[in-house]
Structure formats: structure tokens, C-alpha cells
């Protein structure tokens, strides 16, 4: 009697293992999708409120007034300008204007 019971248990366990082995692709495809993940793009959301030029290090009230009179009244316009335009409007060197533009771009992000 005990051998029949052992054979029956082994038959059931073996059958279950065979069924799982046969269905392994089905289980894996449900668990992990084979479709590649879509690329994630970083969207830059523009800020709604304008940040004053005075927040850039090295731009004081006098230089801010010069830049505003040239039409550059917030850091987004400063970041989009060229160093020559900024240098001419504020009366500073192109190197200093490049530094301001880099600071403005950093503050926007």
C-alpha cells in the first residue's frame, strides 16, 4: 500500500511540474512584458512668473536698469540673449556677460 501512495504523490507532483514547465513562457510573458519601455522625455515647463535680473550674481541696480532699458527685464530673456548683446547693453565685458547668461540658464532650470 505505501508504494502505491508514494507513486500517486510522485505522479501528481511530476504532473504539476510538467504542466508548469510547459506553461513557463506563458507565466514569464505575463510577469515581464516583452515590449520595450517607451523613452522618457524631460519636458521643460516654462515658469509663469518672471524672475528679476537682480537675482543674478553681479547684477546690481545700475546694471539691472541698463539691461531693462535694452528690453531685457527678466532672466529668461537674459538666458536667451547673446553675450555681445548683453555686454553692449550693460557696458560690461563679454566674459562677464557670458557668466550672467550661464547663471540665468541655471536659475531657469
Protein backbone atom coordinates (compact mmCIF):
# COMPACT_ATOMS: atom_id res chain seq x y z
CA UNK A 1 0.00 0.00 0.00
CA UNK A 2 2.64 2.60 0.87
CA UNK A 3 4.31 2.19 -2.55
CA UNK A 4 1.03 2.91 -4.35
CA UNK A 5 0.54 6.05 -2.30
CA UNK A 6 4.11 7.18 -2.97
CA UNK A 7 3.68 6.57 -6.69
CA UNK A 8 0.42 8.52 -6.68
CA UNK A 9 2.03 11.51 -4.90
CA UNK A 10 5.04 11.44 -7.22
CA UNK A 11 2.72 11.27 -10.21
CA UNK A 12 0.75 14.31 -9.05
CA UNK A 13 3.92 16.31 -8.22
CA UNK A 14 5.53 15.29 -11.53
CA UNK A 15 2.40 16.19 -13.48
CA UNK A 16 2.24 19.60 -11.80
CA UNK A 17 5.93 20.19 -12.56
CA UNK A 18 5.43 19.16 -16.20
CA UNK A 19 2.44 21.49 -16.51
CA UNK A 20 4.38 24.42 -15.03
CA UNK A 21 7.35 23.67 -17.31
CA UNK A 22 5.07 23.61 -20.36
CA UNK A 23 3.42 26.89 -19.36
CA UNK A 24 6.62 28.72 -18.31
CA UNK A 25 6.63 31.03 -21.35
CA UNK A 26 3.06 31.99 -20.58
CA UNK A 27 3.91 32.85 -16.97
CA UNK A 28 7.03 34.81 -17.89
CA UNK A 29 5.26 36.90 -20.53
CA UNK A 30 2.59 37.88 -18.04
CA UNK A 31 5.12 38.72 -15.33
CA UNK A 32 7.51 40.73 -17.52
CA UNK A 33 6.34 42.46 -20.66
CA UNK A 34 8.45 41.84 -23.73
CA UNK A 35 7.61 45.24 -25.15
CA UNK A 36 10.41 47.77 -24.69
CA UNK A 37 9.73 50.67 -22.39
CA UNK A 38 8.90 53.89 -24.24
CA UNK A 39 11.53 56.61 -23.96
CA UNK A 40 11.01 59.17 -21.25
CA UNK A 41 11.47 62.74 -22.36
CA UNK A 42 12.15 65.51 -19.91
CA UNK A 43 9.75 68.32 -20.58
CA UNK A 44 10.88 71.77 -19.59
CA UNK A 45 7.93 73.60 -18.14
CA UNK A 46 8.30 77.36 -18.50
CA UNK A 47 7.87 79.31 -15.33
CA UNK A 48 4.84 81.54 -15.33
CA UNK A 49 6.28 84.28 -13.17
CA UNK A 50 9.23 86.34 -14.35
CA UNK A 51 12.31 86.29 -12.16
CA UNK A 52 14.06 89.64 -11.79
CA UNK A 53 17.51 90.19 -13.25
CA UNK A 54 18.75 91.28 -9.80
CA UNK A 55 18.85 87.59 -8.76
CA UNK A 56 21.89 87.02 -10.99
CA UNK A 57 25.13 87.42 -9.04
CA UNK A 58 26.98 90.55 -10.16
CA UNK A 59 23.94 92.43 -11.49
CA UNK A 60 23.19 95.34 -9.21
CA UNK A 61 20.59 98.09 -9.51
CA UNK A 62 22.57 100.16 -12.02
CA UNK A 63 23.29 97.25 -14.37
CA UNK A 64 19.74 95.96 -14.00
CA UNK A 65 18.42 99.38 -15.09
CA UNK A 66 20.70 99.32 -18.14
CA UNK A 67 19.52 95.85 -19.10
CA UNK A 68 15.86 96.77 -18.59
CA UNK A 69 16.25 99.80 -20.83
CA UNK A 70 17.57 97.43 -23.53
CA UNK A 71 14.43 95.27 -23.17
CA UNK A 72 15.97 92.52 -21.03
CA UNK A 73 13.76 92.63 -17.97
CA UNK A 74 13.85 89.03 -16.66
CA UNK A 75 16.28 86.12 -16.53
CA UNK A 76 14.56 84.16 -19.31
CA UNK A 77 15.37 86.98 -21.75
CA UNK A 78 18.86 87.19 -20.29
CA UNK A 79 19.38 83.44 -20.82
CA UNK A 80 18.19 83.70 -24.44
CA UNK A 81 20.45 86.67 -25.29
CA UNK A 82 23.92 86.62 -26.77
CA UNK A 83 26.96 87.75 -24.78
CA UNK A 84 27.63 90.59 -27.24
CA UNK A 85 24.09 91.96 -26.81
CA UNK A 86 24.33 91.84 -23.03
CA UNK A 87 27.84 93.33 -22.99
CA UNK A 88 26.76 96.23 -25.18
CA UNK A 89 23.53 96.90 -23.27
CA UNK A 90 25.13 96.82 -19.81
CA UNK A 91 28.53 98.21 -20.73
CA UNK A 92 30.46 95.20 -19.40
CA UNK A 93 32.91 92.71 -20.90
CA UNK A 94 31.71 89.76 -22.99
CA UNK A 95 33.18 87.34 -20.44
CA UNK A 96 31.09 88.87 -17.67
CA UNK A 97 28.02 88.76 -19.92
CA UNK A 98 28.65 85.04 -20.62
CA UNK A 99 28.82 84.42 -16.87
CA UNK A 100 25.48 86.15 -16.36
CA UNK A 101 23.90 84.14 -19.17
CA UNK A 102 25.13 80.87 -17.64
CA UNK A 103 23.77 81.89 -14.24
CA UNK A 104 20.43 82.79 -15.80
CA UNK A 105 20.22 79.42 -17.59
CA UNK A 106 20.96 77.65 -14.33
CA UNK A 107 18.27 79.62 -12.49
CA UNK A 108 15.67 78.80 -15.16
CA UNK A 109 16.11 75.05 -14.80
